[in-house]
N, C-alpha and C. Protein backbone atom coordinates (compact mmCIF):
# COMPACT_ATOMS: atom_id res chain seq x y z
N MET A 1 214.99 -17.92 -231.88
CA MET A 1 214.35 -17.93 -230.57
C MET A 1 213.78 -16.53 -230.31
N ARG A 2 212.56 -16.49 -229.84
CA ARG A 2 211.95 -15.19 -229.56
C ARG A 2 212.50 -14.61 -228.27
N ARG A 3 212.24 -13.35 -228.05
CA ARG A 3 212.73 -12.66 -226.87
C ARG A 3 212.08 -13.24 -225.61
N MET A 4 212.90 -13.61 -224.65
CA MET A 4 212.42 -14.20 -223.40
C MET A 4 211.98 -13.08 -222.46
N PRO A 5 210.98 -13.35 -221.61
CA PRO A 5 210.48 -12.30 -220.73
C PRO A 5 211.42 -11.92 -219.59
N PHE A 6 212.38 -12.80 -219.25
CA PHE A 6 213.31 -12.49 -218.17
C PHE A 6 214.75 -12.51 -218.70
N PRO A 7 215.52 -11.48 -218.40
CA PRO A 7 216.91 -11.44 -218.90
C PRO A 7 217.84 -12.32 -218.07
N SER A 8 218.95 -12.70 -218.68
CA SER A 8 219.99 -13.43 -217.94
C SER A 8 220.42 -12.58 -216.76
N GLY A 9 220.64 -13.24 -215.62
CA GLY A 9 221.04 -12.54 -214.41
C GLY A 9 219.88 -12.13 -213.52
N ALA A 10 218.66 -12.21 -214.04
CA ALA A 10 217.48 -11.83 -213.25
C ALA A 10 217.26 -12.84 -212.13
N SER A 11 216.66 -12.39 -211.06
CA SER A 11 216.28 -13.26 -209.96
C SER A 11 214.83 -13.67 -210.16
N PHE A 12 214.55 -14.97 -209.98
CA PHE A 12 213.20 -15.50 -210.17
C PHE A 12 212.96 -16.59 -209.14
N ALA A 13 212.03 -16.38 -208.23
CA ALA A 13 211.65 -17.37 -207.21
C ALA A 13 212.86 -17.91 -206.44
N GLY A 14 213.84 -17.07 -206.19
CA GLY A 14 215.04 -17.48 -205.47
C GLY A 14 216.14 -18.03 -206.34
N TYR A 15 215.87 -18.21 -207.61
CA TYR A 15 216.87 -18.69 -208.57
C TYR A 15 217.47 -17.51 -209.32
N THR A 16 218.70 -17.66 -209.78
CA THR A 16 219.31 -16.69 -210.68
C THR A 16 219.29 -17.29 -212.07
N LEU A 17 218.68 -16.59 -213.02
CA LEU A 17 218.60 -17.08 -214.39
C LEU A 17 219.94 -16.87 -215.07
N VAL A 18 220.53 -17.97 -215.54
CA VAL A 18 221.85 -17.92 -216.18
C VAL A 18 221.71 -17.56 -217.65
N ARG A 19 220.83 -18.30 -218.35
CA ARG A 19 220.61 -18.03 -219.77
C ARG A 19 219.35 -18.75 -220.24
N PRO A 20 218.73 -18.24 -221.30
CA PRO A 20 217.57 -18.94 -221.85
C PRO A 20 218.01 -20.20 -222.58
N LEU A 21 217.17 -21.25 -222.52
CA LEU A 21 217.44 -22.50 -223.22
C LEU A 21 216.45 -22.73 -224.35
N ALA A 22 215.18 -22.40 -224.13
CA ALA A 22 214.15 -22.66 -225.15
C ALA A 22 212.94 -21.79 -224.85
N SER A 23 212.10 -21.70 -225.88
CA SER A 23 210.87 -20.94 -225.76
C SER A 23 209.79 -21.67 -226.53
N GLY A 24 208.62 -21.81 -225.93
CA GLY A 24 207.51 -22.49 -226.59
C GLY A 24 206.28 -21.60 -226.60
N GLY A 25 205.15 -22.20 -226.92
CA GLY A 25 203.92 -21.44 -227.00
C GLY A 25 203.51 -20.84 -225.66
N LEU A 26 203.60 -21.62 -224.61
CA LEU A 26 203.17 -21.14 -223.29
C LEU A 26 204.29 -21.13 -222.26
N THR A 27 205.46 -21.66 -222.58
CA THR A 27 206.53 -21.75 -221.59
C THR A 27 207.83 -21.15 -222.09
N GLU A 28 208.63 -20.76 -221.12
CA GLU A 28 210.00 -20.32 -221.34
C GLU A 28 210.88 -21.23 -220.48
N VAL A 29 212.04 -21.61 -220.99
CA VAL A 29 212.91 -22.53 -220.27
C VAL A 29 214.27 -21.88 -220.09
N TYR A 30 214.77 -21.89 -218.85
CA TYR A 30 216.03 -21.23 -218.51
C TYR A 30 216.97 -22.19 -217.80
N LEU A 31 218.27 -21.97 -217.98
CA LEU A 31 219.27 -22.57 -217.12
C LEU A 31 219.34 -21.63 -215.93
N ALA A 32 219.28 -22.17 -214.72
CA ALA A 32 219.23 -21.34 -213.52
C ALA A 32 220.10 -21.93 -212.43
N GLU A 33 220.44 -21.10 -211.46
CA GLU A 33 221.18 -21.54 -210.29
C GLU A 33 220.41 -21.13 -209.05
N HIS A 34 220.49 -21.98 -208.03
CA HIS A 34 219.86 -21.67 -206.75
C HIS A 34 220.98 -21.57 -205.71
N PRO A 35 220.90 -20.62 -204.80
CA PRO A 35 222.01 -20.45 -203.85
C PRO A 35 222.28 -21.66 -202.96
N ARG A 36 221.28 -22.52 -202.73
CA ARG A 36 221.49 -23.68 -201.86
C ARG A 36 221.74 -24.98 -202.62
N LEU A 37 221.61 -24.96 -203.94
CA LEU A 37 221.86 -26.17 -204.73
C LEU A 37 223.26 -26.09 -205.32
N SER A 38 223.95 -27.21 -205.35
CA SER A 38 225.33 -27.21 -205.84
C SER A 38 225.42 -27.38 -207.36
N GLU A 39 224.27 -27.51 -208.02
CA GLU A 39 224.27 -27.72 -209.46
C GLU A 39 223.24 -26.83 -210.14
N SER A 40 223.40 -26.65 -211.43
CA SER A 40 222.44 -25.87 -212.19
C SER A 40 221.16 -26.67 -212.38
N VAL A 41 220.06 -25.96 -212.56
CA VAL A 41 218.77 -26.58 -212.80
C VAL A 41 218.15 -25.97 -214.05
N VAL A 42 217.16 -26.67 -214.57
CA VAL A 42 216.34 -26.15 -215.66
C VAL A 42 215.07 -25.61 -215.02
N LEU A 43 214.76 -24.37 -215.29
CA LEU A 43 213.57 -23.74 -214.75
C LEU A 43 212.60 -23.50 -215.90
N THR A 44 211.46 -24.18 -215.86
CA THR A 44 210.42 -24.02 -216.87
C THR A 44 209.35 -23.10 -216.28
N VAL A 45 209.06 -22.03 -217.00
CA VAL A 45 208.15 -21.00 -216.51
C VAL A 45 206.95 -20.90 -217.45
N LEU A 46 205.76 -21.00 -216.88
CA LEU A 46 204.53 -20.86 -217.65
C LEU A 46 204.19 -19.39 -217.79
N ASN A 47 203.82 -18.99 -219.00
CA ASN A 47 203.46 -17.61 -219.27
C ASN A 47 202.39 -17.14 -218.30
N ALA A 48 202.58 -15.95 -217.74
CA ALA A 48 201.63 -15.40 -216.77
C ALA A 48 200.26 -15.15 -217.38
N ASN A 49 200.17 -15.04 -218.70
CA ASN A 49 198.89 -14.79 -219.37
C ASN A 49 198.18 -16.07 -219.78
N ALA A 50 198.71 -17.23 -219.40
CA ALA A 50 198.08 -18.50 -219.76
C ALA A 50 196.69 -18.60 -219.12
N ALA A 51 195.80 -19.28 -219.79
CA ALA A 51 194.44 -19.46 -219.30
C ALA A 51 194.45 -20.25 -217.99
N ALA A 52 193.40 -20.09 -217.21
CA ALA A 52 193.30 -20.75 -215.91
C ALA A 52 193.43 -22.27 -216.01
N ASP A 53 192.81 -22.88 -217.03
CA ASP A 53 192.91 -24.34 -217.15
C ASP A 53 194.33 -24.78 -217.48
N ALA A 54 195.05 -23.99 -218.26
CA ALA A 54 196.45 -24.30 -218.57
C ALA A 54 197.30 -24.19 -217.30
N ARG A 55 197.01 -23.20 -216.48
CA ARG A 55 197.74 -23.02 -215.23
C ARG A 55 197.48 -24.20 -214.28
N GLU A 56 196.23 -24.66 -214.24
CA GLU A 56 195.90 -25.82 -213.39
C GLU A 56 196.61 -27.07 -213.87
N ARG A 57 196.62 -27.31 -215.19
CA ARG A 57 197.31 -28.49 -215.74
C ARG A 57 198.82 -28.41 -215.47
N PHE A 58 199.40 -27.23 -215.66
CA PHE A 58 200.83 -27.05 -215.42
C PHE A 58 201.15 -27.34 -213.95
N ALA A 59 200.36 -26.80 -213.03
CA ALA A 59 200.60 -27.01 -211.59
C ALA A 59 200.48 -28.49 -211.23
N ALA A 60 199.49 -29.18 -211.79
CA ALA A 60 199.32 -30.61 -211.50
C ALA A 60 200.50 -31.41 -212.04
N ARG A 61 200.94 -31.10 -213.24
CA ARG A 61 202.09 -31.82 -213.83
C ARG A 61 203.37 -31.50 -213.08
N ALA A 62 203.54 -30.25 -212.67
CA ALA A 62 204.73 -29.87 -211.90
C ALA A 62 204.78 -30.64 -210.58
N ALA A 63 203.64 -30.77 -209.90
CA ALA A 63 203.59 -31.52 -208.65
C ALA A 63 203.94 -32.99 -208.90
N THR A 64 203.47 -33.54 -210.00
CA THR A 64 203.79 -34.93 -210.34
C THR A 64 205.29 -35.09 -210.60
N VAL A 65 205.86 -34.17 -211.38
CA VAL A 65 207.29 -34.23 -211.70
C VAL A 65 208.13 -34.22 -210.43
N VAL A 66 207.79 -33.35 -209.50
CA VAL A 66 208.56 -33.24 -208.26
C VAL A 66 208.41 -34.48 -207.39
N SER A 67 207.30 -35.20 -207.53
CA SER A 67 207.08 -36.39 -206.70
C SER A 67 207.75 -37.65 -207.25
N LEU A 68 208.18 -37.63 -208.50
CA LEU A 68 208.78 -38.83 -209.12
C LEU A 68 210.16 -39.11 -208.55
N ASP A 69 210.48 -40.38 -208.38
CA ASP A 69 211.78 -40.80 -207.89
C ASP A 69 212.17 -42.09 -208.61
N HIS A 70 212.96 -41.96 -209.66
CA HIS A 70 213.38 -43.11 -210.45
C HIS A 70 214.73 -42.78 -211.09
N PRO A 71 215.65 -43.71 -211.15
CA PRO A 71 216.98 -43.41 -211.69
C PRO A 71 216.99 -43.03 -213.17
N HIS A 72 215.94 -43.34 -213.91
CA HIS A 72 215.90 -43.03 -215.33
C HIS A 72 215.04 -41.82 -215.67
N ILE A 73 214.63 -41.07 -214.66
CA ILE A 73 213.82 -39.87 -214.85
C ILE A 73 214.53 -38.70 -214.19
N LEU A 74 214.59 -37.58 -214.90
CA LEU A 74 215.20 -36.39 -214.32
C LEU A 74 214.45 -36.00 -213.05
N ARG A 75 215.21 -35.60 -212.06
CA ARG A 75 214.64 -35.26 -210.75
C ARG A 75 214.05 -33.85 -210.78
N GLY A 76 212.85 -33.73 -210.26
CA GLY A 76 212.23 -32.42 -210.07
C GLY A 76 212.58 -31.92 -208.68
N HIS A 77 212.94 -30.64 -208.56
CA HIS A 77 213.36 -30.10 -207.27
C HIS A 77 212.24 -29.38 -206.53
N ASP A 78 211.52 -28.53 -207.25
CA ASP A 78 210.53 -27.69 -206.60
C ASP A 78 209.62 -27.10 -207.66
N HIS A 79 208.50 -26.56 -207.23
CA HIS A 79 207.59 -25.87 -208.15
C HIS A 79 206.78 -24.86 -207.36
N GLY A 80 206.17 -23.93 -208.05
CA GLY A 80 205.35 -22.94 -207.36
C GLY A 80 204.91 -21.83 -208.28
N ASP A 81 204.51 -20.72 -207.67
CA ASP A 81 204.11 -19.52 -208.38
C ASP A 81 204.95 -18.37 -207.87
N PHE A 82 205.34 -17.50 -208.79
CA PHE A 82 206.14 -16.34 -208.44
C PHE A 82 205.62 -15.15 -209.25
N GLN A 83 205.01 -14.22 -208.57
CA GLN A 83 204.49 -13.01 -209.19
C GLN A 83 203.63 -13.31 -210.43
N GLY A 84 202.76 -14.32 -210.30
CA GLY A 84 201.85 -14.68 -211.38
C GLY A 84 202.39 -15.66 -212.40
N TRP A 85 203.64 -16.07 -212.24
CA TRP A 85 204.26 -17.02 -213.16
C TRP A 85 204.39 -18.37 -212.44
N SER A 86 203.82 -19.43 -213.01
CA SER A 86 204.00 -20.78 -212.47
C SER A 86 205.32 -21.33 -212.98
N TRP A 87 205.98 -22.15 -212.19
CA TRP A 87 207.30 -22.65 -212.57
C TRP A 87 207.55 -24.03 -211.96
N VAL A 88 208.52 -24.74 -212.56
CA VAL A 88 209.02 -26.01 -212.03
C VAL A 88 210.53 -26.05 -212.30
N ALA A 89 211.28 -26.51 -211.31
CA ALA A 89 212.74 -26.65 -211.42
C ALA A 89 213.09 -28.12 -211.47
N MET A 90 213.94 -28.49 -212.44
CA MET A 90 214.35 -29.89 -212.62
C MET A 90 215.85 -29.97 -212.85
N ASP A 91 216.39 -31.19 -212.75
CA ASP A 91 217.80 -31.41 -213.06
C ASP A 91 218.13 -30.88 -214.45
N HIS A 92 219.37 -30.44 -214.61
CA HIS A 92 219.87 -30.03 -215.92
C HIS A 92 220.90 -31.05 -216.38
N VAL A 93 220.75 -31.52 -217.60
CA VAL A 93 221.72 -32.42 -218.21
C VAL A 93 222.34 -31.66 -219.37
N ASP A 94 223.64 -31.41 -219.30
CA ASP A 94 224.31 -30.65 -220.35
C ASP A 94 224.51 -31.52 -221.58
N GLY A 95 224.20 -30.97 -222.74
CA GLY A 95 224.39 -31.69 -223.98
C GLY A 95 223.25 -31.42 -224.94
N PRO A 96 223.31 -32.02 -226.11
CA PRO A 96 222.26 -31.78 -227.11
C PRO A 96 220.94 -32.43 -226.71
N ASP A 97 219.84 -31.90 -227.22
CA ASP A 97 218.55 -32.53 -226.95
C ASP A 97 218.34 -33.70 -227.92
N CYS A 98 217.33 -34.50 -227.65
CA CYS A 98 217.08 -35.70 -228.45
C CYS A 98 216.81 -35.37 -229.91
N GLY A 99 216.06 -34.31 -230.16
CA GLY A 99 215.78 -33.91 -231.54
C GLY A 99 217.05 -33.60 -232.32
N ARG A 100 217.98 -32.90 -231.68
CA ARG A 100 219.25 -32.57 -232.33
C ARG A 100 220.07 -33.83 -232.58
N LEU A 101 220.08 -34.75 -231.61
CA LEU A 101 220.82 -36.00 -231.81
C LEU A 101 220.25 -36.81 -232.97
N ILE A 102 218.94 -36.90 -233.05
CA ILE A 102 218.32 -37.64 -234.14
C ILE A 102 218.67 -36.99 -235.48
N ASP A 103 218.60 -35.67 -235.56
CA ASP A 103 218.90 -34.96 -236.79
C ASP A 103 220.36 -35.10 -237.22
N THR A 104 221.27 -35.08 -236.26
CA THR A 104 222.70 -35.06 -236.61
C THR A 104 223.37 -36.43 -236.60
N ARG A 105 222.92 -37.33 -235.75
CA ARG A 105 223.64 -38.58 -235.58
C ARG A 105 222.86 -39.82 -236.03
N TYR A 106 221.54 -39.78 -235.91
CA TYR A 106 220.74 -40.99 -236.12
C TYR A 106 219.66 -40.79 -237.17
N ARG A 107 220.00 -40.23 -238.30
CA ARG A 107 219.01 -39.97 -239.35
C ARG A 107 218.38 -41.24 -239.74
């Protein structure tokens, strides 16, 4: 995993970053806590250097995620911009990701 732009313990858009979870081409993903939420969330942050069209697509998708309400879809809590970084907060489910399960259990 490459070096994440925000260290564990940093404050970001009112959330406290607990630890990094993943890193992609344009996004960084963190386990985070919010002072008013009783559970941890996943905070996906779009790189501040992303092109304008990528930022627009991210914002549109984040708004869609937060608007969804279905028992089989992870709940989106909030989204926005913080010091040039676009972000979305969603439910956190502890455990392995689907790729890891397929590799280890369901070859």
